[in-house]
Amino acid sequence: MRNTLPIFLSALAFACALGCVPCVLRAQPRPVHEELALTALPLLPYGGEYLIGATWAGTITSAEVRLAFTTAGDFQAQHFVFEFAGPTGGVFVRGGADLNWSGQGTFAAEFVSESLNGEIVTPQGAPALNYWFMNIAPAAESLPVPLEGELGTSHIRLTIQPCLADWDGSYATDVRDIFAFLADWFADEPNADIDGFGGVGVGDIFRFLSLWFAGCSAF
């Protein structure tokens, strides 16, 4: 059976290439949630670029941010500036004044940003390291007073939508994606309806295999 599987899959993909099923896609694999932990990150007095590497791939649909900061020395919370950018080309900036922080003490804020939304582009063939850039600095008007304080429980949680061929959200396309799709298909999960006909049917298997053989453009 194992030896006949590649032949069977190739035949299905060839049938798809001949137009046996339409190319309309109606559903997606389940989104993946990833977190960048920022708690207790060392802070530089006048800011500096922090570089974070990850192998994530897909499309970011949302970013949830939590910032907690305790001031120290003469630093005032309204002068706190947080900048973050990713390989989607998006960037967001939040200052303490934007978050209604003022004076000294412990402050916290949570918000959702869509500014990082978009595709994470990585080289063809396999997941590769992509980089996220962050800067935590004092506001210009506070200089020369340096940034002093400590980050408490802080993080950025990203919601990433994998490409259709990466059904298991592992940021790679391999045979496990086929098994993951078939598990959803046999369970009659709505997200397994990808061929545009309505309802989960054998055409969805044909369509998925054609996408799987093509791979993900983001990889």
N, C-alpha and C. Protein backbone atom coordinates (compact mmCIF):
# COMPACT_ATOMS: atom_id res chain seq x y z
N MET A 1 0.84 -1.21 0.00
CA MET A 1 0.00 0.00 0.00
C MET A 1 0.87 1.25 0.00
N ARG A 2 1.96 1.23 0.79
CA ARG A 2 2.84 2.38 0.89
C ARG A 2 3.46 2.71 -0.47
N ASN A 3 3.81 1.66 -1.25
CA ASN A 3 4.45 1.87 -2.54
C ASN A 3 3.48 2.42 -3.57
N THR A 4 2.20 2.14 -3.41
CA THR A 4 1.22 2.62 -4.39
C THR A 4 0.70 4.01 -4.07
N LEU A 5 0.98 4.53 -2.87
CA LEU A 5 0.46 5.84 -2.49
C LEU A 5 0.95 6.95 -3.41
N PRO A 6 2.26 7.04 -3.71
CA PRO A 6 2.70 8.12 -4.61
C PRO A 6 2.04 8.05 -5.98
N ILE A 7 1.82 6.81 -6.50
CA ILE A 7 1.17 6.68 -7.82
C ILE A 7 -0.26 7.17 -7.75
N PHE A 8 -0.95 6.81 -6.66
CA PHE A 8 -2.33 7.23 -6.49
C PHE A 8 -2.44 8.75 -6.39
N LEU A 9 -1.54 9.35 -5.61
CA LEU A 9 -1.58 10.80 -5.44
C LEU A 9 -1.25 11.50 -6.74
N SER A 10 -0.30 10.97 -7.49
CA SER A 10 0.07 11.58 -8.77
C SER A 10 -1.10 11.53 -9.74
N ALA A 11 -1.82 10.42 -9.74
CA ALA A 11 -2.98 10.30 -10.63
C ALA A 11 -4.05 11.31 -10.27
N LEU A 12 -4.27 11.51 -8.98
CA LEU A 12 -5.26 12.49 -8.56
C LEU A 12 -4.85 13.90 -8.95
N ALA A 13 -3.58 14.22 -8.76
CA ALA A 13 -3.10 15.55 -9.13
C ALA A 13 -3.22 15.77 -10.63
N PHE A 14 -2.93 14.71 -11.44
CA PHE A 14 -3.05 14.84 -12.89
C PHE A 14 -4.49 15.09 -13.29
N ALA A 15 -5.42 14.40 -12.61
CA ALA A 15 -6.84 14.61 -12.90
C ALA A 15 -7.24 16.04 -12.60
N CYS A 16 -6.70 16.62 -11.53
CA CYS A 16 -7.00 18.00 -11.19
C CYS A 16 -6.46 18.95 -12.25
N ALA A 17 -5.26 18.64 -12.73
CA ALA A 17 -4.65 19.51 -13.74
C ALA A 17 -5.46 19.53 -15.02
N LEU A 18 -6.20 18.44 -15.30
CA LEU A 18 -7.04 18.39 -16.49
C LEU A 18 -8.35 19.12 -16.32
N GLY A 19 -8.57 19.66 -15.11
CA GLY A 19 -9.77 20.46 -14.88
C GLY A 19 -10.94 19.69 -14.35
N CYS A 20 -10.65 18.59 -13.64
CA CYS A 20 -11.75 17.79 -13.09
C CYS A 20 -12.50 18.53 -12.00
N VAL A 21 -11.84 19.46 -11.35
CA VAL A 21 -12.48 20.21 -10.28
C VAL A 21 -12.22 21.69 -10.51
N PRO A 22 -13.10 22.56 -10.03
CA PRO A 22 -12.90 24.00 -10.22
C PRO A 22 -11.79 24.53 -9.32
N CYS A 23 -11.36 25.75 -9.58
CA CYS A 23 -10.26 26.36 -8.84
C CYS A 23 -10.74 27.34 -7.78
N VAL A 24 -12.01 27.38 -7.48
CA VAL A 24 -12.53 28.29 -6.47
C VAL A 24 -12.28 27.71 -5.09
N LEU A 25 -11.67 28.49 -4.22
CA LEU A 25 -11.39 28.03 -2.86
C LEU A 25 -12.34 28.71 -1.89
N ARG A 26 -12.94 27.90 -1.02
CA ARG A 26 -13.94 28.46 -0.13
C ARG A 26 -13.53 28.40 1.33
N ALA A 27 -12.52 27.62 1.68
CA ALA A 27 -12.20 27.44 3.08
C ALA A 27 -10.69 27.45 3.26
N GLN A 28 -10.27 27.40 4.51
CA GLN A 28 -8.85 27.47 4.85
C GLN A 28 -8.57 26.49 5.98
N PRO A 29 -7.31 26.05 6.12
CA PRO A 29 -6.96 25.30 7.33
C PRO A 29 -7.13 26.20 8.56
N ARG A 30 -7.14 25.60 9.68
CA ARG A 30 -7.32 26.38 10.91
C ARG A 30 -6.13 27.31 11.14
N PRO A 31 -6.37 28.51 11.63
CA PRO A 31 -5.26 29.44 11.89
C PRO A 31 -4.35 28.93 13.01
N VAL A 32 -3.11 29.40 12.98
CA VAL A 32 -2.11 29.05 13.97
C VAL A 32 -1.82 30.29 14.81
N HIS A 33 -1.61 30.11 16.10
CA HIS A 33 -1.33 31.23 17.00
C HIS A 33 0.09 31.11 17.54
N GLU A 34 0.89 32.14 17.33
CA GLU A 34 2.27 32.15 17.77
C GLU A 34 2.50 33.36 18.67
N GLU A 35 3.43 33.21 19.61
CA GLU A 35 3.66 34.29 20.58
C GLU A 35 5.14 34.65 20.66
N LEU A 36 5.40 35.95 20.67
CA LEU A 36 6.72 36.49 20.96
C LEU A 36 6.68 37.02 22.40
N ALA A 37 7.41 36.37 23.29
CA ALA A 37 7.43 36.79 24.69
C ALA A 37 8.44 37.92 24.87
N LEU A 38 8.00 39.01 25.51
CA LEU A 38 8.85 40.19 25.73
C LEU A 38 9.13 40.42 27.20
N THR A 39 8.60 39.60 28.08
CA THR A 39 8.73 39.80 29.52
C THR A 39 10.21 39.84 29.94
N ALA A 40 10.54 40.85 30.74
CA ALA A 40 11.90 41.01 31.30
C ALA A 40 12.97 41.19 30.23
N LEU A 41 12.58 41.64 29.04
CA LEU A 41 13.56 41.92 28.00
C LEU A 41 14.49 43.05 28.47
N PRO A 42 15.81 42.88 28.36
CA PRO A 42 16.72 43.96 28.77
C PRO A 42 16.49 45.23 27.94
N LEU A 43 16.42 46.37 28.60
CA LEU A 43 16.15 47.63 27.92
C LEU A 43 17.43 48.46 27.82
N LEU A 44 17.64 49.04 26.66
CA LEU A 44 18.80 49.89 26.43
C LEU A 44 18.45 51.34 26.77
N PRO A 45 19.36 52.11 27.36
CA PRO A 45 19.03 53.45 27.86
C PRO A 45 18.44 54.39 26.82
N TYR A 46 18.95 54.34 25.60
CA TYR A 46 18.44 55.27 24.57
C TYR A 46 17.85 54.53 23.37
N GLY A 47 17.41 53.30 23.62
CA GLY A 47 16.78 52.53 22.56
C GLY A 47 17.79 51.77 21.72
N GLY A 48 17.33 50.79 21.03
CA GLY A 48 18.18 49.97 20.17
C GLY A 48 17.33 48.92 19.50
N GLU A 49 17.80 48.41 18.38
CA GLU A 49 17.03 47.46 17.61
C GLU A 49 17.21 46.05 18.16
N TYR A 50 16.10 45.42 18.47
CA TYR A 50 16.09 44.02 18.89
C TYR A 50 15.70 43.19 17.67
N LEU A 51 16.43 42.13 17.39
CA LEU A 51 16.19 41.28 16.23
C LEU A 51 15.71 39.92 16.70
N ILE A 52 14.54 39.50 16.23
CA ILE A 52 13.96 38.23 16.64
C ILE A 52 13.76 37.37 15.40
N GLY A 53 14.29 36.15 15.42
CA GLY A 53 14.17 35.25 14.27
C GLY A 53 13.11 34.19 14.50
N ALA A 54 12.38 33.82 13.44
CA ALA A 54 11.37 32.76 13.51
C ALA A 54 11.23 32.13 12.13
N THR A 55 10.68 30.93 12.08
CA THR A 55 10.49 30.23 10.80
C THR A 55 9.02 30.23 10.37
N TRP A 56 8.24 31.15 10.88
CA TRP A 56 6.82 31.16 10.56
C TRP A 56 6.58 31.52 9.11
N ALA A 57 5.51 30.99 8.55
CA ALA A 57 5.11 31.32 7.18
C ALA A 57 3.60 31.29 7.10
N GLY A 58 3.05 32.04 6.17
CA GLY A 58 1.61 32.16 6.03
C GLY A 58 1.23 33.62 5.97
N THR A 59 -0.01 33.91 6.36
CA THR A 59 -0.52 35.28 6.32
C THR A 59 -0.98 35.70 7.70
N ILE A 60 -0.42 36.78 8.22
CA ILE A 60 -0.85 37.31 9.51
C ILE A 60 -2.20 38.00 9.35
N THR A 61 -3.15 37.65 10.20
CA THR A 61 -4.47 38.27 10.14
C THR A 61 -4.75 39.14 11.36
N SER A 62 -3.93 39.01 12.41
CA SER A 62 -4.15 39.83 13.60
C SER A 62 -2.94 39.73 14.51
N ALA A 63 -2.70 40.81 15.28
CA ALA A 63 -1.64 40.81 16.29
C ALA A 63 -2.21 41.37 17.59
N GLU A 64 -2.15 40.58 18.66
CA GLU A 64 -2.59 41.02 19.98
C GLU A 64 -1.35 41.40 20.79
N VAL A 65 -1.36 42.58 21.34
CA VAL A 65 -0.18 43.10 22.03
C VAL A 65 -0.53 43.37 23.50
N ARG A 66 0.35 42.94 24.39
CA ARG A 66 0.25 43.31 25.80
C ARG A 66 1.58 43.92 26.22
N LEU A 67 1.51 45.11 26.80
CA LEU A 67 2.69 45.79 27.31
C LEU A 67 2.50 46.11 28.78
N ALA A 68 3.48 45.77 29.58
CA ALA A 68 3.49 46.13 31.01
C ALA A 68 4.87 46.71 31.31
N PHE A 69 4.87 47.87 31.95
CA PHE A 69 6.14 48.58 32.15
C PHE A 69 6.13 49.26 33.51
N THR A 70 7.24 49.10 34.23
CA THR A 70 7.43 49.77 35.52
C THR A 70 8.60 50.74 35.39
N THR A 71 8.35 51.99 35.69
CA THR A 71 9.39 53.01 35.55
C THR A 71 10.44 52.88 36.65
N ALA A 72 11.60 53.48 36.37
CA ALA A 72 12.66 53.55 37.37
C ALA A 72 13.42 54.85 37.16
N GLY A 73 14.18 55.28 38.17
CA GLY A 73 14.94 56.51 38.07
C GLY A 73 14.03 57.71 37.85
N ASP A 74 14.43 58.59 36.94
CA ASP A 74 13.65 59.79 36.65
C ASP A 74 12.75 59.63 35.43
N PHE A 75 12.70 58.43 34.88
CA PHE A 75 11.96 58.26 33.62
C PHE A 75 10.45 58.34 33.85
N GLN A 76 9.78 59.03 32.92
CA GLN A 76 8.33 59.22 32.97
C GLN A 76 7.65 58.30 31.94
N ALA A 77 6.58 57.63 32.36
CA ALA A 77 5.95 56.62 31.52
C ALA A 77 5.42 57.17 30.20
N GLN A 78 5.02 58.44 30.16
CA GLN A 78 4.49 59.01 28.91
C GLN A 78 5.54 59.09 27.81
N HIS A 79 6.82 58.95 28.19
CA HIS A 79 7.91 59.03 27.21
C HIS A 79 8.34 57.66 26.69
N PHE A 80 7.67 56.60 27.12
CA PHE A 80 7.95 55.24 26.66
C PHE A 80 7.49 55.10 25.21
N VAL A 81 8.33 54.52 24.34
CA VAL A 81 7.97 54.31 22.92
C VAL A 81 8.27 52.86 22.55
N PHE A 82 7.28 52.20 21.96
CA PHE A 82 7.42 50.80 21.52
C PHE A 82 7.17 50.74 20.01
N GLU A 83 8.15 50.21 19.27
CA GLU A 83 8.03 50.06 17.82
C GLU A 83 8.25 48.60 17.46
N PHE A 84 7.48 48.11 16.49
CA PHE A 84 7.58 46.72 16.08
C PHE A 84 7.31 46.61 14.59
N ALA A 85 8.12 45.79 13.89
CA ALA A 85 7.96 45.59 12.45
C ALA A 85 8.26 44.15 12.11
N GLY A 86 7.65 43.66 11.05
CA GLY A 86 7.86 42.27 10.66
C GLY A 86 8.07 42.11 9.17
N PRO A 87 8.28 40.86 8.71
CA PRO A 87 8.55 40.59 7.30
C PRO A 87 7.34 40.76 6.39
N THR A 88 6.19 41.14 6.94
CA THR A 88 5.06 41.49 6.08
C THR A 88 5.20 42.90 5.52
N GLY A 89 6.13 43.67 6.06
CA GLY A 89 6.27 45.07 5.65
C GLY A 89 5.52 46.02 6.54
N GLY A 90 4.71 45.48 7.46
CA GLY A 90 3.94 46.33 8.36
C GLY A 90 4.74 46.75 9.57
N VAL A 91 4.31 47.84 10.20
CA VAL A 91 4.98 48.33 11.40
C VAL A 91 3.95 49.04 12.26
N PHE A 92 4.09 48.92 13.58
CA PHE A 92 3.25 49.76 14.44
C PHE A 92 4.09 50.39 15.54
N VAL A 93 3.63 51.54 15.97
CA VAL A 93 4.32 52.32 17.01
C VAL A 93 3.29 52.73 18.05
N ARG A 94 3.61 52.54 19.33
CA ARG A 94 2.77 53.00 20.42
C ARG A 94 3.66 53.69 21.44
N GLY A 95 3.24 54.85 21.88
CA GLY A 95 3.94 55.57 22.93
C GLY A 95 3.16 55.54 24.22
N GLY A 96 3.84 55.79 25.31
CA GLY A 96 3.16 55.84 26.59
C GLY A 96 2.04 56.86 26.59
N ALA A 97 2.27 58.00 25.95
CA ALA A 97 1.23 59.03 25.87
C ALA A 97 0.01 58.52 25.10
N ASP A 98 0.24 57.71 24.04
CA ASP A 98 -0.88 57.13 23.27
C ASP A 98 -1.71 56.19 24.15
N LEU A 99 -1.05 55.57 25.13
CA LEU A 99 -1.71 54.60 26.00
C LEU A 99 -2.23 55.24 27.29
N ASN A 100 -2.15 56.58 27.36
CA ASN A 100 -2.59 57.33 28.54
C ASN A 100 -1.76 57.02 29.77
N TRP A 101 -0.49 56.67 29.57
CA TRP A 101 0.43 56.51 30.69
C TRP A 101 1.02 57.88 31.04
N SER A 102 1.23 58.12 32.31
CA SER A 102 1.80 59.40 32.72
C SER A 102 2.44 59.25 34.10
N GLY A 103 3.60 59.86 34.27
CA GLY A 103 4.25 59.86 35.56
C GLY A 103 5.06 58.58 35.78
N GLN A 104 5.14 58.17 37.04
CA GLN A 104 5.93 57.01 37.39
C GLN A 104 5.07 55.96 38.08
N GLY A 105 5.52 54.70 37.97
CA GLY A 105 4.77 53.60 38.55
C GLY A 105 4.74 52.41 37.60
N THR A 106 3.74 51.57 37.76
CA THR A 106 3.56 50.39 36.91
C THR A 106 2.35 50.61 36.02
N PHE A 107 2.52 50.34 34.72
CA PHE A 107 1.47 50.61 33.73
C PHE A 107 1.30 49.37 32.84
N ALA A 108 0.09 49.17 32.31
CA ALA A 108 -0.16 48.04 31.42
C ALA A 108 -1.22 48.43 30.40
N ALA A 109 -1.13 47.82 29.24
CA ALA A 109 -2.10 48.07 28.17
C ALA A 109 -2.18 46.85 27.28
N GLU A 110 -3.37 46.60 26.72
CA GLU A 110 -3.58 45.53 25.76
C GLU A 110 -4.34 46.10 24.57
N PHE A 111 -3.94 45.71 23.38
CA PHE A 111 -4.63 46.19 22.19
C PHE A 111 -4.39 45.23 21.04
N VAL A 112 -5.21 45.34 20.02
CA VAL A 112 -5.09 44.54 18.80
C VAL A 112 -4.67 45.45 17.67
N SER A 113 -3.70 45.01 16.89
CA SER A 113 -3.22 45.80 15.77
C SER A 113 -3.35 45.00 14.47
N GLU A 114 -3.78 45.67 13.41
CA GLU A 114 -3.83 45.06 12.08
C GLU A 114 -2.68 45.54 11.20
N SER A 115 -1.78 46.34 11.76
CA SER A 115 -0.72 46.94 10.95
C SER A 115 0.32 45.92 10.49
N LEU A 116 0.39 44.77 11.16
CA LEU A 116 1.33 43.72 10.72
C LEU A 116 0.69 42.73 9.76
N ASN A 117 -0.60 42.89 9.47
CA ASN A 117 -1.30 41.93 8.62
C ASN A 117 -0.66 41.84 7.24
N GLY A 118 -0.64 40.63 6.70
CA GLY A 118 -0.10 40.41 5.37
C GLY A 118 0.69 39.11 5.32
N GLU A 119 1.21 38.79 4.16
CA GLU A 119 1.92 37.54 3.95
C GLU A 119 3.37 37.63 4.44
N ILE A 120 3.79 36.58 5.15
CA ILE A 120 5.19 36.43 5.54
C ILE A 120 5.89 35.69 4.40
N VAL A 121 6.71 36.35 3.66
CA VAL A 121 7.34 35.75 2.49
C VAL A 121 8.67 35.13 2.88
N THR A 122 8.85 33.85 2.56
CA THR A 122 10.10 33.15 2.81
C THR A 122 10.50 32.40 1.54
N PRO A 123 11.75 31.99 1.41
CA PRO A 123 12.22 31.38 0.16
C PRO A 123 11.48 30.10 -0.21
N GLN A 124 11.49 29.77 -1.49
CA GLN A 124 10.85 28.57 -2.01
C GLN A 124 11.57 27.32 -1.52
N GLY A 125 10.82 26.28 -1.19
CA GLY A 125 11.41 24.98 -0.92
C GLY A 125 11.32 24.52 0.52
N ALA A 126 11.52 25.41 1.48
CA ALA A 126 11.51 25.00 2.88
C ALA A 126 11.37 26.24 3.76
N PRO A 127 10.87 26.05 4.99
CA PRO A 127 10.81 27.20 5.89
C PRO A 127 12.20 27.80 6.10
N ALA A 128 12.29 29.09 6.14
CA ALA A 128 13.56 29.76 6.37
C ALA A 128 13.37 30.80 7.46
N LEU A 129 14.45 31.21 8.06
CA LEU A 129 14.38 32.18 9.14
C LEU A 129 13.92 33.53 8.61
N ASN A 130 12.89 34.09 9.23
CA ASN A 130 12.49 35.46 8.92
C ASN A 130 12.67 36.29 10.18
N TYR A 131 12.79 37.59 10.00
CA TYR A 131 13.19 38.45 11.11
C TYR A 131 12.15 39.50 11.46
N TRP A 132 12.01 39.72 12.76
CA TRP A 132 11.11 40.73 13.33
C TRP A 132 11.97 41.75 14.05
N PHE A 133 11.65 43.01 13.85
CA PHE A 133 12.46 44.10 14.39
C PHE A 133 11.66 44.86 15.45
N MET A 134 12.32 45.15 16.56
CA MET A 134 11.64 45.83 17.65
C MET A 134 12.57 46.89 18.23
N ASN A 135 11.99 47.98 18.67
CA ASN A 135 12.75 49.04 19.32
C ASN A 135 11.93 49.57 20.49
N ILE A 136 12.54 49.61 21.66
CA ILE A 136 11.92 50.22 22.84
C ILE A 136 12.84 51.35 23.27
N ALA A 137 12.33 52.56 23.25
CA ALA A 137 13.20 53.73 23.42
C ALA A 137 12.46 54.84 24.16
N PRO A 138 13.19 55.85 24.63
CA PRO A 138 12.55 57.05 25.18
C PRO A 138 12.10 57.95 24.04
N ALA A 139 11.06 58.71 24.27
CA ALA A 139 10.61 59.68 23.27
C ALA A 139 11.66 60.79 23.13
N ALA A 140 11.72 61.39 21.95
CA ALA A 140 12.75 62.38 21.67
C ALA A 140 12.70 63.55 22.66
N GLU A 141 11.49 63.95 23.06
CA GLU A 141 11.37 65.11 23.93
C GLU A 141 11.86 64.84 25.35
N SER A 142 12.09 63.55 25.69
CA SER A 142 12.56 63.23 27.04
C SER A 142 14.09 63.24 27.13
N LEU A 143 14.76 63.25 25.99
CA LEU A 143 16.22 63.23 26.02
C LEU A 143 16.75 64.49 26.68
N PRO A 144 17.86 64.43 27.43
CA PRO A 144 18.76 63.27 27.58
C PRO A 144 18.42 62.32 28.72
N VAL A 145 17.20 62.37 29.27
CA VAL A 145 16.84 61.43 30.33
C VAL A 145 16.71 60.03 29.71
N PRO A 146 17.48 59.06 30.18
CA PRO A 146 17.46 57.73 29.55
C PRO A 146 16.21 56.93 29.95
N LEU A 147 15.91 55.92 29.14
CA LEU A 147 14.85 54.98 29.46
C LEU A 147 15.30 54.11 30.63
N GLU A 148 14.54 54.13 31.69
CA GLU A 148 14.84 53.29 32.85
C GLU A 148 13.56 52.61 33.31
N GLY A 149 13.64 51.32 33.55
CA GLY A 149 12.47 50.59 34.01
C GLY A 149 12.57 49.13 33.62
N GLU A 150 11.46 48.43 33.75
CA GLU A 150 11.44 46.98 33.50
C GLU A 150 10.13 46.59 32.83
N LEU A 151 10.23 45.70 31.84
CA LEU A 151 9.04 45.14 31.22
C LEU A 151 8.49 44.03 32.10
N GLY A 152 7.21 44.10 32.39
CA GLY A 152 6.53 43.01 33.07
C GLY A 152 6.01 42.00 32.07
N THR A 153 4.87 41.39 32.35
CA THR A 153 4.29 40.38 31.46
C THR A 153 3.86 41.04 30.15
N SER A 154 4.67 40.85 29.12
CA SER A 154 4.44 41.50 27.84
C SER A 154 4.63 40.50 26.71
N HIS A 155 3.85 40.64 25.66
CA HIS A 155 3.97 39.71 24.54
C HIS A 155 3.29 40.27 23.30
N ILE A 156 3.58 39.66 22.17
CA ILE A 156 2.85 39.87 20.92
C ILE A 156 2.36 38.51 20.46
N ARG A 157 1.06 38.35 20.31
CA ARG A 157 0.47 37.09 19.85
C ARG A 157 -0.05 37.29 18.43
N LEU A 158 0.49 36.52 17.53
CA LEU A 158 0.13 36.63 16.12
C LEU A 158 -0.84 35.51 15.74
N THR A 159 -1.86 35.86 14.96
CA THR A 159 -2.72 34.87 14.33
C THR A 159 -2.26 34.72 12.89
N ILE A 160 -1.81 33.52 12.54
CA ILE A 160 -1.25 33.27 11.21
C ILE A 160 -2.12 32.25 10.48
N GLN A 161 -2.53 32.61 9.27
CA GLN A 161 -3.30 31.71 8.43
C GLN A 161 -2.35 30.96 7.50
N PRO A 162 -2.18 29.62 7.69
CA PRO A 162 -1.29 28.89 6.79
C PRO A 162 -1.85 28.86 5.37
N CYS A 163 -0.97 28.61 4.41
CA CYS A 163 -1.46 28.41 3.04
C CYS A 163 -2.20 27.08 2.99
N LEU A 164 -3.00 26.86 1.97
CA LEU A 164 -3.85 25.67 1.90
C LEU A 164 -3.05 24.38 1.90
N ALA A 165 -1.88 24.37 1.23
CA ALA A 165 -1.09 23.14 1.17
C ALA A 165 -0.49 22.79 2.53
N ASP A 166 -0.28 23.79 3.37
CA ASP A 166 0.27 23.57 4.71
C ASP A 166 -0.89 23.37 5.67
N TRP A 167 -1.61 22.28 5.53
CA TRP A 167 -2.87 22.09 6.25
C TRP A 167 -2.68 21.94 7.74
N ASP A 168 -1.53 21.39 8.17
CA ASP A 168 -1.33 21.17 9.60
C ASP A 168 -0.64 22.35 10.29
N GLY A 169 -0.35 23.42 9.53
CA GLY A 169 0.23 24.61 10.14
C GLY A 169 1.63 24.43 10.66
N SER A 170 2.42 23.54 10.03
CA SER A 170 3.79 23.28 10.48
C SER A 170 4.81 24.15 9.77
N TYR A 171 4.37 25.01 8.86
CA TYR A 171 5.23 25.89 8.06
C TYR A 171 6.12 25.09 7.11
N ALA A 172 5.64 23.92 6.69
CA ALA A 172 6.28 23.11 5.66
C ALA A 172 5.19 22.26 5.00
N THR A 173 5.41 21.84 3.77
CA THR A 173 4.46 20.94 3.11
C THR A 173 5.09 19.56 3.03
N ASP A 174 4.42 18.59 3.66
CA ASP A 174 4.86 17.20 3.61
C ASP A 174 3.64 16.31 3.73
N VAL A 175 3.87 14.99 3.79
CA VAL A 175 2.76 14.05 3.76
C VAL A 175 1.83 14.21 4.96
N ARG A 176 2.33 14.79 6.04
CA ARG A 176 1.47 15.00 7.21
C ARG A 176 0.32 15.96 6.91
N ASP A 177 0.53 16.86 5.96
CA ASP A 177 -0.57 17.76 5.56
C ASP A 177 -1.70 16.99 4.90
N ILE A 178 -1.35 15.97 4.11
CA ILE A 178 -2.38 15.14 3.47
C ILE A 178 -3.20 14.42 4.52
N PHE A 179 -2.51 13.81 5.49
CA PHE A 179 -3.23 13.10 6.55
C PHE A 179 -4.09 14.06 7.37
N ALA A 180 -3.58 15.26 7.63
CA ALA A 180 -4.35 16.23 8.41
C ALA A 180 -5.60 16.66 7.64
N PHE A 181 -5.44 16.88 6.32
CA PHE A 181 -6.61 17.26 5.52
C PHE A 181 -7.63 16.12 5.49
N LEU A 182 -7.14 14.89 5.28
CA LEU A 182 -8.07 13.75 5.21
C LEU A 182 -8.80 13.55 6.54
N ALA A 183 -8.13 13.83 7.65
CA ALA A 183 -8.80 13.71 8.95
C ALA A 183 -9.97 14.68 9.02
N ASP A 184 -9.77 15.92 8.56
CA ASP A 184 -10.86 16.89 8.53
C ASP A 184 -11.93 16.48 7.53
N TRP A 185 -11.49 15.93 6.40
CA TRP A 185 -12.43 15.53 5.34
C TRP A 185 -13.33 14.41 5.83
N PHE A 186 -12.75 13.37 6.46
CA PHE A 186 -13.54 12.25 6.96
C PHE A 186 -14.45 12.69 8.11
N ALA A 187 -14.02 13.72 8.86
CA ALA A 187 -14.86 14.25 9.94
C ALA A 187 -15.92 15.21 9.42
N ASP A 188 -15.93 15.44 8.10
CA ASP A 188 -16.90 16.34 7.47
C ASP A 188 -16.80 17.75 8.03
N GLU A 189 -15.56 18.18 8.33
CA GLU A 189 -15.34 19.53 8.84
C GLU A 189 -15.59 20.56 7.74
N PRO A 190 -16.28 21.66 8.04
CA PRO A 190 -16.56 22.66 7.01
C PRO A 190 -15.31 23.21 6.33
N ASN A 191 -14.19 23.28 7.06
CA ASN A 191 -12.99 23.84 6.46
C ASN A 191 -12.38 22.93 5.39
N ALA A 192 -12.85 21.68 5.29
CA ALA A 192 -12.36 20.77 4.26
C ALA A 192 -13.08 20.96 2.93
N ASP A 193 -14.07 21.84 2.88
CA ASP A 193 -14.77 22.15 1.63
C ASP A 193 -13.99 23.24 0.90
N ILE A 194 -13.07 22.84 0.02
CA ILE A 194 -12.20 23.81 -0.64
C ILE A 194 -12.41 23.88 -2.15
N ASP A 195 -13.33 23.09 -2.70
CA ASP A 195 -13.45 23.07 -4.16
C ASP A 195 -14.54 23.98 -4.71
N GLY A 196 -15.31 24.62 -3.84
CA GLY A 196 -16.29 25.58 -4.31
C GLY A 196 -17.64 25.00 -4.66
N PHE A 197 -17.82 23.68 -4.52
CA PHE A 197 -19.11 23.09 -4.88
C PHE A 197 -20.14 23.22 -3.76
N GLY A 198 -19.70 23.33 -2.53
CA GLY A 198 -20.62 23.36 -1.39
C GLY A 198 -20.73 21.97 -0.80
N GLY A 199 -20.37 21.82 0.44
CA GLY A 199 -20.35 20.52 1.07
C GLY A 199 -19.02 19.83 0.85
N VAL A 200 -18.70 18.89 1.73
CA VAL A 200 -17.44 18.16 1.66
C VAL A 200 -17.62 16.94 0.78
N GLY A 201 -16.84 16.85 -0.30
CA GLY A 201 -16.97 15.74 -1.25
C GLY A 201 -15.62 15.33 -1.79
N VAL A 202 -15.62 14.33 -2.69
CA VAL A 202 -14.36 13.80 -3.22
C VAL A 202 -13.60 14.85 -4.03
N GLY A 203 -14.32 15.81 -4.61
CA GLY A 203 -13.65 16.88 -5.34
C GLY A 203 -12.71 17.69 -4.47
N ASP A 204 -13.01 17.77 -3.17
CA ASP A 204 -12.13 18.50 -2.26
C ASP A 204 -10.78 17.79 -2.12
N ILE A 205 -10.80 16.46 -2.15
CA ILE A 205 -9.53 15.71 -2.08
C ILE A 205 -8.70 16.00 -3.33
N PHE A 206 -9.34 15.94 -4.51
CA PHE A 206 -8.63 16.24 -5.75
C PHE A 206 -8.01 17.64 -5.69
N ARG A 207 -8.80 18.59 -5.23
CA ARG A 207 -8.33 19.97 -5.21
C ARG A 207 -7.16 20.13 -4.23
N PHE A 208 -7.29 19.52 -3.05
CA PHE A 208 -6.22 19.65 -2.07
C PHE A 208 -4.92 19.05 -2.59
N LEU A 209 -4.99 17.88 -3.22
CA LEU A 209 -3.77 17.24 -3.70
C LEU A 209 -3.11 18.05 -4.80
N SER A 210 -3.89 18.70 -5.65
CA SER A 210 -3.28 19.54 -6.68
C SER A 210 -2.54 20.70 -6.04
N LEU A 211 -3.09 21.26 -4.97
CA LEU A 211 -2.42 22.35 -4.26
C LEU A 211 -1.19 21.84 -3.52
N TRP A 212 -1.29 20.65 -2.95
CA TRP A 212 -0.18 20.09 -2.20
C TRP A 212 1.02 19.83 -3.11
N PHE A 213 0.77 19.29 -4.30
CA PHE A 213 1.86 19.04 -5.24
C PHE A 213 2.47 20.36 -5.73
N ALA A 214 1.65 21.40 -5.82
CA ALA A 214 2.17 22.70 -6.26
C ALA A 214 2.99 23.38 -5.17
N GLY A 215 2.68 23.08 -3.90
CA GLY A 215 3.40 23.69 -2.79
C GLY A 215 2.88 25.08 -2.45
N CYS A 216 3.52 25.70 -1.47
CA CYS A 216 3.12 27.04 -1.03
C CYS A 216 4.06 28.09 -1.63
N SER A 217 3.49 29.10 -2.22
CA SER A 217 4.30 30.16 -2.80
C SER A 217 5.08 30.91 -1.72
N ALA A 218 4.58 30.84 -0.47
CA ALA A 218 5.26 31.55 0.62
C ALA A 218 6.51 30.85 1.11
N PHE A 219 6.69 29.56 0.72
CA PHE A 219 7.83 28.80 1.23
C PHE A 219 9.03 28.93 0.28
